[in-house]
Amino acid sequence: MEEILADPARHIGRTYELTGPRSQDIAAMASEVSATLGRPVCYTDVPLQEWIDDDLRPLGLPDHAFQHISTMARLHAEDRYDRKADGAEQVTGRFPSGVAGYVRASPSLFSL
């Protein structure tokens, strides 16, 4: 977030939870993306280790990136991000747009 880079001193020692404006699991996020795009988008629960072995590891990422992404995936699998938090609003001073707003603002990421 550019706000932190613009004024880093006020953020030293702070921790921000950036999970979003409402509690929402991955299936609900897929449903919201689907509604926003006006086409089917589904979430498929792939076992974590299978995803790591079959999809992540073959990318050949540097170890630090591999560890970070696999840790984030594990935390998602444990529903650690399915909660409401206001960290983004604390940092930016703006209410976060949520999943639908992100999809609308980034259409090229969701084109077929």
PDB file of N, CA and C in Angstrom:
ATOM      1  N   MET A   1       0.845  -1.169   0.000  1.00  0.00           N
ATOM      2  CA  MET A   1       0.000   0.000   0.000  1.00  0.00           C
ATOM      3  C   MET A   1       0.891   1.231   0.000  1.00  0.00           C
ATOM      4  N   GLU A   2       0.664   2.084  -0.962  1.00  0.00           N
ATOM      5  CA  GLU A   2       1.507   3.266  -1.106  1.00  0.00           C
ATOM      6  C   GLU A   2       1.418   4.195   0.098  1.00  0.00           C
ATOM      7  N   GLU A   3       0.326   4.130   0.871  1.00  0.00           N
ATOM      8  CA  GLU A   3       0.181   4.964   2.053  1.00  0.00           C
ATOM      9  C   GLU A   3       1.272   4.665   3.073  1.00  0.00           C
ATOM     10  N   ILE A   4       1.633   3.400   3.214  1.00  0.00           N
ATOM     11  CA  ILE A   4       2.686   3.019   4.155  1.00  0.00           C
ATOM     12  C   ILE A   4       4.031   3.527   3.663  1.00  0.00           C
ATOM     13  N   LEU A   5       4.290   3.407   2.366  1.00  0.00           N
ATOM     14  CA  LEU A   5       5.550   3.890   1.821  1.00  0.00           C
ATOM     15  C   LEU A   5       5.663   5.408   1.911  1.00  0.00           C
ATOM     16  N   ALA A   6       4.542   6.115   1.798  1.00  0.00           N
ATOM     17  CA  ALA A   6       4.554   7.572   1.857  1.00  0.00           C
ATOM     18  C   ALA A   6       4.845   8.083   3.268  1.00  0.00           C
ATOM     19  N   ASP A   7       4.434   7.338   4.282  1.00  0.00           N
ATOM     20  CA  ASP A   7       4.638   7.760   5.675  1.00  0.00           C
ATOM     21  C   ASP A   7       4.915   6.535   6.541  1.00  0.00           C
ATOM     22  N   PRO A   8       6.078   5.907   6.370  1.00  0.00           N
ATOM     23  CA  PRO A   8       6.342   4.647   7.074  1.00  0.00           C
ATOM     24  C   PRO A   8       6.452   4.777   8.586  1.00  0.00           C
ATOM     25  N   ALA A   9       6.861   5.932   9.107  1.00  0.00           N
ATOM     26  CA  ALA A   9       7.097   6.066  10.544  1.00  0.00           C
ATOM     27  C   ALA A   9       5.850   5.757  11.371  1.00  0.00           C
ATOM     28  N   ARG A  10       4.686   6.189  10.910  1.00  0.00           N
ATOM     29  CA  ARG A  10       3.477   5.965  11.717  1.00  0.00           C
ATOM     30  C   ARG A  10       3.006   4.514  11.701  1.00  0.00           C
ATOM     31  N   HIS A  11       3.618   3.686  10.880  1.00  0.00           N
ATOM     32  CA  HIS A  11       3.217   2.283  10.793  1.00  0.00           C
ATOM     33  C   HIS A  11       4.199   1.331  11.477  1.00  0.00           C
ATOM     34  N   ILE A  12       5.294   1.863  11.967  1.00  0.00           N
ATOM     35  CA  ILE A  12       6.304   1.020  12.620  1.00  0.00           C
ATOM     36  C   ILE A  12       5.688   0.348  13.843  1.00  0.00           C
ATOM     37  N   GLY A  13       5.873  -0.963  13.917  1.00  0.00           N
ATOM     38  CA  GLY A  13       5.367  -1.742  15.036  1.00  0.00           C
ATOM     39  C   GLY A  13       3.888  -2.078  14.961  1.00  0.00           C
ATOM     40  N   ARG A  14       3.204  -1.646  13.917  1.00  0.00           N
ATOM     41  CA  ARG A  14       1.779  -1.924  13.763  1.00  0.00           C
ATOM     42  C   ARG A  14       1.584  -3.205  12.952  1.00  0.00           C
ATOM     43  N   THR A  15       0.524  -3.896  13.229  1.00  0.00           N
ATOM     44  CA  THR A  15       0.111  -5.058  12.452  1.00  0.00           C
ATOM     45  C   THR A  15      -1.293  -4.790  11.949  1.00  0.00           C
ATOM     46  N   TYR A  16      -1.485  -4.985  10.654  1.00  0.00           N
ATOM     47  CA  TYR A  16      -2.792  -4.759  10.058  1.00  0.00           C
ATOM     48  C   TYR A  16      -3.349  -6.066   9.518  1.00  0.00           C
ATOM     49  N   GLU A  17      -4.558  -6.389   9.907  1.00  0.00           N
ATOM     50  CA  GLU A  17      -5.266  -7.531   9.359  1.00  0.00           C
ATOM     51  C   GLU A  17      -5.940  -7.059   8.070  1.00  0.00           C
ATOM     52  N   LEU A  18      -5.598  -7.663   6.960  1.00  0.00           N
ATOM     53  CA  LEU A  18      -6.096  -7.209   5.665  1.00  0.00           C
ATOM     54  C   LEU A  18      -7.057  -8.212   5.041  1.00  0.00           C
ATOM     55  N   THR A  19      -7.954  -8.725   5.837  1.00  0.00           N
ATOM     56  CA  THR A  19      -8.842  -9.766   5.328  1.00  0.00           C
ATOM     57  C   THR A  19     -10.088  -9.235   4.649  1.00  0.00           C
ATOM     58  N   GLY A  20     -10.485  -8.026   4.883  1.00  0.00           N
ATOM     59  CA  GLY A  20     -11.609  -7.467   4.153  1.00  0.00           C
ATOM     60  C   GLY A  20     -12.730  -6.938   5.008  1.00  0.00           C
ATOM     61  N   PRO A  21     -13.728  -6.328   4.340  1.00  0.00           N
ATOM     62  CA  PRO A  21     -14.805  -5.645   5.046  1.00  0.00           C
ATOM     63  C   PRO A  21     -15.874  -6.571   5.623  1.00  0.00           C
ATOM     64  N   ARG A  22     -15.813  -7.868   5.288  1.00  0.00           N
ATOM     65  CA  ARG A  22     -16.770  -8.817   5.871  1.00  0.00           C
ATOM     66  C   ARG A  22     -16.161 -10.218   5.869  1.00  0.00           C
ATOM     67  N   SER A  23     -16.686 -11.065   6.736  1.00  0.00           N
ATOM     68  CA  SER A  23     -16.241 -12.456   6.787  1.00  0.00           C
ATOM     69  C   SER A  23     -16.798 -13.181   5.575  1.00  0.00           C
ATOM     70  N   GLN A  24     -15.917 -13.886   4.857  1.00  0.00           N
ATOM     71  CA  GLN A  24     -16.357 -14.530   3.618  1.00  0.00           C
ATOM     72  C   GLN A  24     -15.397 -15.672   3.293  1.00  0.00           C
ATOM     73  N   ASP A  25     -15.927 -16.871   3.114  1.00  0.00           N
ATOM     74  CA  ASP A  25     -15.060 -17.988   2.746  1.00  0.00           C
ATOM     75  C   ASP A  25     -14.810 -17.983   1.237  1.00  0.00           C
ATOM     76  N   ILE A  26     -13.946 -18.888   0.777  1.00  0.00           N
ATOM     77  CA  ILE A  26     -13.535 -18.909  -0.625  1.00  0.00           C
ATOM     78  C   ILE A  26     -14.714 -19.211  -1.552  1.00  0.00           C
ATOM     79  N   ALA A  27     -15.604 -20.107  -1.139  1.00  0.00           N
ATOM     80  CA  ALA A  27     -16.769 -20.422  -1.977  1.00  0.00           C
ATOM     81  C   ALA A  27     -17.656 -19.184  -2.164  1.00  0.00           C
ATOM     82  N   ALA A  28     -17.837 -18.407  -1.105  1.00  0.00           N
ATOM     83  CA  ALA A  28     -18.629 -17.182  -1.207  1.00  0.00           C
ATOM     84  C   ALA A  28     -17.927 -16.155  -2.088  1.00  0.00           C
ATOM     85  N   MET A  29     -16.601 -16.098  -2.014  1.00  0.00           N
ATOM     86  CA  MET A  29     -15.848 -15.190  -2.879  1.00  0.00           C
ATOM     87  C   MET A  29     -16.035 -15.579  -4.344  1.00  0.00           C
ATOM     88  N   ALA A  30     -15.970 -16.873  -4.639  1.00  0.00           N
ATOM     89  CA  ALA A  30     -16.175 -17.332  -6.014  1.00  0.00           C
ATOM     90  C   ALA A  30     -17.569 -16.966  -6.499  1.00  0.00           C
ATOM     91  N   SER A  31     -18.550 -17.094  -5.646  1.00  0.00           N
ATOM     92  CA  SER A  31     -19.924 -16.737  -6.002  1.00  0.00           C
ATOM     93  C   SER A  31     -20.032 -15.241  -6.300  1.00  0.00           C
ATOM     94  N   GLU A  32     -19.349 -14.420  -5.520  1.00  0.00           N
ATOM     95  CA  GLU A  32     -19.378 -12.973  -5.744  1.00  0.00           C
ATOM     96  C   GLU A  32     -18.670 -12.601  -7.047  1.00  0.00           C
ATOM     97  N   VAL A  33     -17.552 -13.260  -7.328  1.00  0.00           N
ATOM     98  CA  VAL A  33     -16.855 -13.029  -8.597  1.00  0.00           C
ATOM     99  C   VAL A  33     -17.767 -13.425  -9.753  1.00  0.00           C
ATOM    100  N   SER A  34     -18.427 -14.561  -9.629  1.00  0.00           N
ATOM    101  CA  SER A  34     -19.343 -15.043 -10.657  1.00  0.00           C
ATOM    102  C   SER A  34     -20.456 -14.029 -10.915  1.00  0.00           C
ATOM    103  N   ALA A  35     -21.077 -13.537  -9.861  1.00  0.00           N
ATOM    104  CA  ALA A  35     -22.158 -12.563 -10.003  1.00  0.00           C
ATOM    105  C   ALA A  35     -21.657 -11.268 -10.647  1.00  0.00           C
ATOM    106  N   THR A  36     -20.464 -10.847 -10.277  1.00  0.00           N
ATOM    107  CA  THR A  36     -19.911  -9.603 -10.820  1.00  0.00           C
ATOM    108  C   THR A  36     -19.581  -9.742 -12.300  1.00  0.00           C
ATOM    109  N   LEU A  37     -19.026 -10.890 -12.678  1.00  0.00           N
ATOM    110  CA  LEU A  37     -18.656 -11.113 -14.073  1.00  0.00           C
ATOM    111  C   LEU A  37     -19.843 -11.528 -14.944  1.00  0.00           C
ATOM    112  N   GLY A  38     -20.895 -12.029 -14.312  1.00  0.00           N
ATOM    113  CA  GLY A  38     -22.042 -12.495 -15.069  1.00  0.00           C
ATOM    114  C   GLY A  38     -21.782 -13.812 -15.780  1.00  0.00           C
ATOM    115  N   ARG A  39     -20.867 -14.609 -15.234  1.00  0.00           N
ATOM    116  CA  ARG A  39     -20.578 -15.939 -15.799  1.00  0.00           C
ATOM    117  C   ARG A  39     -20.164 -16.857 -14.654  1.00  0.00           C
ATOM    118  N   PRO A  40     -20.268 -18.159 -14.870  1.00  0.00           N
ATOM    119  CA  PRO A  40     -19.950 -19.097 -13.786  1.00  0.00           C
ATOM    120  C   PRO A  40     -18.477 -19.042 -13.368  1.00  0.00           C
ATOM    121  N   VAL A  41     -18.266 -18.962 -12.086  1.00  0.00           N
ATOM    122  CA  VAL A  41     -16.939 -19.086 -11.477  1.00  0.00           C
ATOM    123  C   VAL A  41     -17.134 -20.008 -10.279  1.00  0.00           C
ATOM    124  N   CYS A  42     -16.362 -21.069 -10.224  1.00  0.00           N
ATOM    125  CA  CYS A  42     -16.524 -22.058  -9.161  1.00  0.00           C
ATOM    126  C   CYS A  42     -15.245 -22.192  -8.356  1.00  0.00           C
ATOM    127  N   TYR A  43     -15.407 -22.563  -7.117  1.00  0.00           N
ATOM    128  CA  TYR A  43     -14.278 -22.886  -6.248  1.00  0.00           C
ATOM    129  C   TYR A  43     -14.216 -24.401  -6.131  1.00  0.00           C
ATOM    130  N   THR A  44     -13.049 -24.950  -6.358  1.00  0.00           N
ATOM    131  CA  THR A  44     -12.835 -26.382  -6.187  1.00  0.00           C
ATOM    132  C   THR A  44     -11.814 -26.568  -5.073  1.00  0.00           C
ATOM    133  N   ASP A  45     -12.193 -27.322  -4.074  1.00  0.00           N
ATOM    134  CA  ASP A  45     -11.308 -27.558  -2.937  1.00  0.00           C
ATOM    135  C   ASP A  45     -10.299 -28.654  -3.293  1.00  0.00           C
ATOM    136  N   VAL A  46      -9.096 -28.242  -3.627  1.00  0.00           N
ATOM    137  CA  VAL A  46      -8.014 -29.183  -3.933  1.00  0.00           C
ATOM    138  C   VAL A  46      -7.229 -29.404  -2.648  1.00  0.00           C
ATOM    139  N   PRO A  47      -6.959 -30.647  -2.266  1.00  0.00           N
ATOM    140  CA  PRO A  47      -6.169 -30.883  -1.056  1.00  0.00           C
ATOM    141  C   PRO A  47      -4.853 -30.112  -1.111  1.00  0.00           C
ATOM    142  N   LEU A  48      -4.508 -29.485   0.009  1.00  0.00           N
ATOM    143  CA  LEU A  48      -3.348 -28.586   0.072  1.00  0.00           C
ATOM    144  C   LEU A  48      -2.072 -29.248  -0.440  1.00  0.00           C
ATOM    145  N   GLN A  49      -1.741 -30.415   0.058  1.00  0.00           N
ATOM    146  CA  GLN A  49      -0.480 -31.042  -0.351  1.00  0.00           C
ATOM    147  C   GLN A  49      -0.475 -31.379  -1.840  1.00  0.00           C
ATOM    148  N   GLU A  50      -1.613 -31.797  -2.349  1.00  0.00           N
ATOM    149  CA  GLU A  50      -1.726 -32.077  -3.782  1.00  0.00           C
ATOM    150  C   GLU A  50      -1.461 -30.811  -4.592  1.00  0.00           C
ATOM    151  N   TRP A  51      -2.044 -29.686  -4.160  1.00  0.00           N
ATOM    152  CA  TRP A  51      -1.831 -28.416  -4.860  1.00  0.00           C
ATOM    153  C   TRP A  51      -0.360 -28.002  -4.807  1.00  0.00           C
ATOM    154  N   ILE A  52       0.249 -28.148  -3.625  1.00  0.00           N
ATOM    155  CA  ILE A  52       1.665 -27.795  -3.488  1.00  0.00           C
ATOM    156  C   ILE A  52       2.516 -28.647  -4.426  1.00  0.00           C
ATOM    157  N   ASP A  53       2.287 -29.952  -4.412  1.00  0.00           N
ATOM    158  CA  ASP A  53       3.110 -30.867  -5.213  1.00  0.00           C
ATOM    159  C   ASP A  53       2.861 -30.734  -6.716  1.00  0.00           C
ATOM    160  N   ASP A  54       1.588 -30.598  -7.108  1.00  0.00           N
ATOM    161  CA  ASP A  54       1.249 -30.631  -8.529  1.00  0.00           C
ATOM    162  C   ASP A  54       1.242 -29.267  -9.213  1.00  0.00           C
ATOM    163  N   ASP A  55       0.994 -28.218  -8.453  1.00  0.00           N
ATOM    164  CA  ASP A  55       0.843 -26.901  -9.068  1.00  0.00           C
ATOM    165  C   ASP A  55       1.903 -25.886  -8.635  1.00  0.00           C
ATOM    166  N   LEU A  56       2.195 -25.833  -7.347  1.00  0.00           N
ATOM    167  CA  LEU A  56       3.135 -24.818  -6.862  1.00  0.00           C
ATOM    168  C   LEU A  56       4.588 -25.209  -7.087  1.00  0.00           C
ATOM    169  N   ARG A  57       4.968 -26.395  -6.646  1.00  0.00           N
ATOM    170  CA  ARG A  57       6.374 -26.812  -6.751  1.00  0.00           C
ATOM    171  C   ARG A  57       6.907 -26.769  -8.192  1.00  0.00           C
ATOM    172  N   PRO A  58       6.129 -27.204  -9.193  1.00  0.00           N
ATOM    173  CA  PRO A  58       6.640 -27.176 -10.571  1.00  0.00           C
ATOM    174  C   PRO A  58       6.970 -25.774 -11.105  1.00  0.00           C
ATOM    175  N   LEU A  59       6.507 -24.737 -10.426  1.00  0.00           N
ATOM    176  CA  LEU A  59       6.806 -23.379 -10.872  1.00  0.00           C
ATOM    177  C   LEU A  59       8.282 -23.016 -10.688  1.00  0.00           C
ATOM    178  N   GLY A  60       8.992 -23.763  -9.840  1.00  0.00           N
ATOM    179  CA  GLY A  60      10.413 -23.510  -9.633  1.00  0.00           C
ATOM    180  C   GLY A  60      10.701 -22.175  -8.962  1.00  0.00           C
ATOM    181  N   LEU A  61       9.847 -21.746  -8.067  1.00  0.00           N
ATOM    182  CA  LEU A  61      10.018 -20.471  -7.376  1.00  0.00           C
ATOM    183  C   LEU A  61      11.232 -20.497  -6.446  1.00  0.00           C
ATOM    184  N   PRO A  62      11.813 -19.337  -6.179  1.00  0.00           N
ATOM    185  CA  PRO A  62      12.847 -19.279  -5.138  1.00  0.00           C
ATOM    186  C   PRO A  62      12.246 -19.776  -3.823  1.00  0.00           C
ATOM    187  N   ASP A  63      13.069 -20.366  -2.966  1.00  0.00           N
ATOM    188  CA  ASP A  63      12.560 -20.986  -1.747  1.00  0.00           C
ATOM    189  C   ASP A  63      11.736 -20.024  -0.896  1.00  0.00           C
ATOM    190  N   HIS A  64      12.183 -18.772  -0.747  1.00  0.00           N
ATOM    191  CA  HIS A  64      11.429 -17.837   0.099  1.00  0.00           C
ATOM    192  C   HIS A  64      10.023 -17.588  -0.471  1.00  0.00           C
ATOM    193  N   ALA A  65       9.889 -17.510  -1.775  1.00  0.00           N
ATOM    194  CA  ALA A  65       8.579 -17.304  -2.394  1.00  0.00           C
ATOM    195  C   ALA A  65       7.722 -18.561  -2.248  1.00  0.00           C
ATOM    196  N   PHE A  66       8.335 -19.724  -2.476  1.00  0.00           N
ATOM    197  CA  PHE A  66       7.620 -20.990  -2.318  1.00  0.00           C
ATOM    198  C   PHE A  66       7.090 -21.127  -0.887  1.00  0.00           C
ATOM    199  N   GLN A  67       7.933 -20.839   0.104  1.00  0.00           N
ATOM    200  CA  GLN A  67       7.521 -20.960   1.505  1.00  0.00           C
ATOM    201  C   GLN A  67       6.394 -19.981   1.833  1.00  0.00           C
ATOM    202  N   HIS A  68       6.508 -18.758   1.339  1.00  0.00           N
ATOM    203  CA  HIS A  68       5.485 -17.755   1.616  1.00  0.00           C
ATOM    204  C   HIS A  68       4.141 -18.176   1.017  1.00  0.00           C
ATOM    205  N   ILE A  69       4.139 -18.556  -0.234  1.00  0.00           N
ATOM    206  CA  ILE A  69       2.884 -18.919  -0.902  1.00  0.00           C
ATOM    207  C   ILE A  69       2.286 -20.177  -0.285  1.00  0.00           C
ATOM    208  N   SER A  70       3.105 -21.160   0.018  1.00  0.00           N
ATOM    209  CA  SER A  70       2.552 -22.379   0.625  1.00  0.00           C
ATOM    210  C   SER A  70       2.017 -22.095   2.029  1.00  0.00           C
ATOM    211  N   THR A  71       2.652 -21.202   2.760  1.00  0.00           N
ATOM    212  CA  THR A  71       2.143 -20.823   4.081  1.00  0.00           C
ATOM    213  C   THR A  71       0.811 -20.098   3.958  1.00  0.00           C
ATOM    214  N   MET A  72       0.705 -19.161   3.007  1.00  0.00           N
ATOM    215  CA  MET A  72      -0.559 -18.460   2.795  1.00  0.00           C
ATOM    216  C   MET A  72      -1.661 -19.443   2.401  1.00  0.00           C
ATOM    217  N   ALA A  73      -1.337 -20.410   1.558  1.00  0.00           N
ATOM    218  CA  ALA A  73      -2.322 -21.412   1.149  1.00  0.00           C
ATOM    219  C   ALA A  73      -2.763 -22.253   2.348  1.00  0.00           C
ATOM    220  N   ARG A  74      -1.809 -22.613   3.209  1.00  0.00           N
ATOM    221  CA  ARG A  74      -2.154 -23.392   4.406  1.00  0.00           C
ATOM    222  C   ARG A  74      -3.093 -22.591   5.307  1.00  0.00           C
ATOM    223  N   LEU A  75      -2.792 -21.309   5.497  1.00  0.00           N
ATOM    224  CA  LEU A  75      -3.647 -20.467   6.334  1.00  0.00           C
ATOM    225  C   LEU A  75      -5.044 -20.331   5.731  1.00  0.00           C
ATOM    226  N   HIS A  76      -5.134 -20.226   4.413  1.00  0.00           N
ATOM    227  CA  HIS A  76      -6.452 -20.211   3.763  1.00  0.00           C
ATOM    228  C   HIS A  76      -7.181 -21.527   4.003  1.00  0.00           C
ATOM    229  N   ALA A  77      -6.468 -22.638   3.873  1.00  0.00           N
ATOM    230  CA  ALA A  77      -7.084 -23.957   4.085  1.00  0.00           C
ATOM    231  C   ALA A  77      -7.603 -24.101   5.511  1.00  0.00           C
ATOM    232  N   GLU A  78      -6.970 -23.410   6.446  1.00  0.00           N
ATOM    233  CA  GLU A  78      -7.394 -23.448   7.849  1.00  0.00           C
ATOM    234  C   GLU A  78      -8.442 -22.378   8.164  1.00  0.00           C
ATOM    235  N   ASP A  79      -8.944 -21.688   7.134  1.00  0.00           N
ATOM    236  CA  ASP A  79      -9.935 -20.616   7.285  1.00  0.00           C
ATOM    237  C   ASP A  79      -9.453 -19.471   8.172  1.00  0.00           C
ATOM    238  N   ARG A  80      -8.159 -19.239   8.179  1.00  0.00           N
ATOM    239  CA  ARG A  80      -7.604 -18.165   9.001  1.00  0.00           C
ATOM    240  C   ARG A  80      -7.925 -16.770   8.451  1.00  0.00           C
ATOM    241  N   TYR A  81      -8.343 -16.690   7.192  1.00  0.00           N
ATOM    242  CA  TYR A  81      -8.650 -15.392   6.598  1.00  0.00           C
ATOM    243  C   TYR A  81     -10.149 -15.163   6.453  1.00  0.00           C
ATOM    244  N   ASP A  82     -10.955 -16.081   6.938  1.00  0.00           N
ATOM    245  CA  ASP A  82     -12.406 -15.944   6.864  1.00  0.00           C
ATOM    246  C   ASP A  82     -12.872 -15.146   8.082  1.00  0.00           C
ATOM    247  N   ARG A  83     -12.549 -13.849   8.074  1.00  0.00           N
ATOM    248  CA  ARG A  83     -12.969 -12.976   9.161  1.00  0.00           C
ATOM    249  C   ARG A  83     -12.952 -11.532   8.685  1.00  0.00           C
ATOM    250  N   LYS A  84     -13.690 -10.721   9.369  1.00  0.00           N
ATOM    251  CA  LYS A  84     -13.772  -9.302   9.047  1.00  0.00           C
ATOM    252  C   LYS A  84     -12.619  -8.572   9.718  1.00  0.00           C
ATOM    253  N   ALA A  85     -12.017  -7.639   8.992  1.00  0.00           N
ATOM    254  CA  ALA A  85     -10.967  -6.804   9.570  1.00  0.00           C
ATOM    255  C   ALA A  85     -10.992  -5.440   8.890  1.00  0.00           C
ATOM    256  N   ASP A  86     -10.506  -4.438   9.594  1.00  0.00           N
ATOM    257  CA  ASP A  86     -10.525  -3.087   9.042  1.00  0.00           C
ATOM    258  C   ASP A  86      -9.129  -2.524   8.795  1.00  0.00           C
ATOM    259  N   GLY A  87      -8.128  -3.387   8.667  1.00  0.00           N
ATOM    260  CA  GLY A  87      -6.755  -2.926   8.465  1.00  0.00           C
ATOM    261  C   GLY A  87      -6.565  -2.082   7.224  1.00  0.00           C
ATOM    262  N   ALA A  88      -7.188  -2.471   6.118  1.00  0.00           N
ATOM    263  CA  ALA A  88      -7.041  -1.684   4.885  1.00  0.00           C
ATOM    264  C   ALA A  88      -7.602  -0.286   5.077  1.00  0.00           C
ATOM    265  N   GLU A  89      -8.729  -0.177   5.747  1.00  0.00           N
ATOM    266  CA  GLU A  89      -9.321   1.140   5.998  1.00  0.00           C
ATOM    267  C   GLU A  89      -8.452   1.954   6.961  1.00  0.00           C
ATOM    268  N   GLN A  90      -7.857   1.293   7.960  1.00  0.00           N
ATOM    269  CA  GLN A  90      -6.957   1.995   8.880  1.00  0.00           C
ATOM    270  C   GLN A  90      -5.779   2.617   8.136  1.00  0.00           C
ATOM    271  N   VAL A  91      -5.239   1.884   7.174  1.00  0.00           N
ATOM    272  CA  VAL A  91      -4.060   2.350   6.450  1.00  0.00           C
ATOM    273  C   VAL A  91      -4.424   3.411   5.416  1.00  0.00           C
ATOM    274  N   THR A  92      -5.484   3.166   4.649  1.00  0.00           N
ATOM    275  CA  THR A  92      -5.795   4.046   3.517  1.00  0.00           C
ATOM    276  C   THR A  92      -6.776   5.162   3.844  1.00  0.00           C
ATOM    277  N   GLY A  93      -7.568   4.968   4.908  1.00  0.00           N
ATOM    278  CA  GLY A  93      -8.613   5.936   5.217  1.00  0.00           C
ATOM    279  C   GLY A  93      -9.842   5.766   4.343  1.00  0.00           C
ATOM    280  N   ARG A  94      -9.869   4.703   3.545  1.00  0.00           N
ATOM    281  CA  ARG A  94     -11.004   4.433   2.657  1.00  0.00           C
ATOM    282  C   ARG A  94     -11.566   3.051   2.965  1.00  0.00           C
ATOM    283  N   PHE A  95     -12.887   2.924   2.852  1.00  0.00           N
ATOM    284  CA  PHE A  95     -13.518   1.616   3.034  1.00  0.00           C
ATOM    285  C   PHE A  95     -13.114   0.736   1.854  1.00  0.00           C
ATOM    286  N   PRO A  96     -12.669  -0.500   2.096  1.00  0.00           N
ATOM    287  CA  PRO A  96     -12.248  -1.372   0.999  1.00  0.00           C
ATOM    288  C   PRO A  96     -13.407  -1.713   0.065  1.00  0.00           C
ATOM    289  N   SER A  97     -13.074  -1.896  -1.195  1.00  0.00           N
ATOM    290  CA  SER A  97     -14.098  -2.148  -2.208  1.00  0.00           C
ATOM    291  C   SER A  97     -14.648  -3.562  -2.166  1.00  0.00           C
ATOM    292  N   GLY A  98     -13.960  -4.478  -1.530  1.00  0.00           N
ATOM    293  CA  GLY A  98     -14.404  -5.859  -1.480  1.00  0.00           C
ATOM    294  C   GLY A  98     -14.126  -6.593  -2.779  1.00  0.00           C
ATOM    295  N   VAL A  99     -14.555  -7.829  -2.846  1.00  0.00           N
ATOM    296  CA  VAL A  99     -14.278  -8.689  -3.994  1.00  0.00           C
ATOM    297  C   VAL A  99     -14.891  -8.121  -5.272  1.00  0.00           C
ATOM    298  N   ALA A 100     -16.161  -7.772  -5.233  1.00  0.00           N
ATOM    299  CA  ALA A 100     -16.835  -7.258  -6.432  1.00  0.00           C
ATOM    300  C   ALA A 100     -16.159  -5.984  -6.936  1.00  0.00           C
ATOM    301  N   GLY A 101     -15.801  -5.097  -6.035  1.00  0.00           N
ATOM    302  CA  GLY A 101     -15.129  -3.869  -6.436  1.00  0.00           C
ATOM    303  C   GLY A 101     -13.779  -4.140  -7.075  1.00  0.00           C
ATOM    304  N   TYR A 102     -13.052  -5.107  -6.522  1.00  0.00           N
ATOM    305  CA  TYR A 102     -11.753  -5.472  -7.101  1.00  0.00           C
ATOM    306  C   TYR A 102     -11.922  -6.043  -8.506  1.00  0.00           C
ATOM    307  N   VAL A 103     -12.907  -6.911  -8.670  1.00  0.00           N
ATOM    308  CA  VAL A 103     -13.161  -7.505  -9.984  1.00  0.00           C
ATOM    309  C   VAL A 103     -13.530  -6.410 -10.995  1.00  0.00           C
ATOM    310  N   ARG A 104     -14.404  -5.500 -10.595  1.00  0.00           N
ATOM    311  CA  ARG A 104     -14.806  -4.400 -11.500  1.00  0.00           C
ATOM    312  C   ARG A 104     -13.621  -3.494 -11.836  1.00  0.00           C
ATOM    313  N   ALA A 105     -12.721  -3.277 -10.886  1.00  0.00           N
ATOM    314  CA  ALA A 105     -11.570  -2.383 -11.105  1.00  0.00           C
ATOM    315  C   ALA A 105     -10.444  -3.045 -11.894  1.00  0.00           C
ATOM    316  N   SER A 106     -10.461  -4.365 -12.004  1.00  0.00           N
ATOM    317  CA  SER A 106      -9.369  -5.107 -12.654  1.00  0.00           C
ATOM    318  C   SER A 106      -9.908  -6.085 -13.686  1.00  0.00           C
ATOM    319  N   PRO A 107     -10.695  -5.647 -14.642  1.00  0.00           N
ATOM    320  CA  PRO A 107     -11.350  -6.591 -15.554  1.00  0.00           C
ATOM    321  C   PRO A 107     -10.375  -7.435 -16.372  1.00  0.00           C
ATOM    322  N   SER A 108      -9.208  -6.907 -16.700  1.00  0.00           N
ATOM    323  CA  SER A 108      -8.263  -7.685 -17.518  1.00  0.00           C
ATOM    324  C   SER A 108      -7.770  -8.931 -16.788  1.00  0.00           C
ATOM    325  N   LEU A 109      -7.807  -8.925 -15.468  1.00  0.00           N
ATOM    326  CA  LEU A 109      -7.378 -10.107 -14.712  1.00  0.00           C
ATOM    327  C   LEU A 109      -8.390 -11.244 -14.792  1.00  0.00           C
ATOM    328  N   PHE A 110      -9.595 -10.923 -15.215  1.00  0.00           N
ATOM    329  CA  PHE A 110     -10.664 -11.914 -15.216  1.00  0.00           C
ATOM    330  C   PHE A 110     -11.207 -12.199 -16.604  1.00  0.00           C
ATOM    331  N   SER A 111     -10.486 -11.772 -17.630  1.00  0.00           N
ATOM    332  CA  SER A 111     -10.923 -12.048 -19.001  1.00  0.00           C
ATOM    333  C   SER A 111     -10.562 -13.469 -19.396  1.00  0.00           C
ATOM    334  N   LEU A 112     -11.325 -14.002 -20.295  1.00  0.00           N
ATOM    335  CA  LEU A 112     -11.084 -15.386 -20.746  1.00  0.00           C
ATOM    336  C   LEU A 112     -10.062 -15.421 -21.842  1.00  0.00           C
TER     337      LEU A 112
END
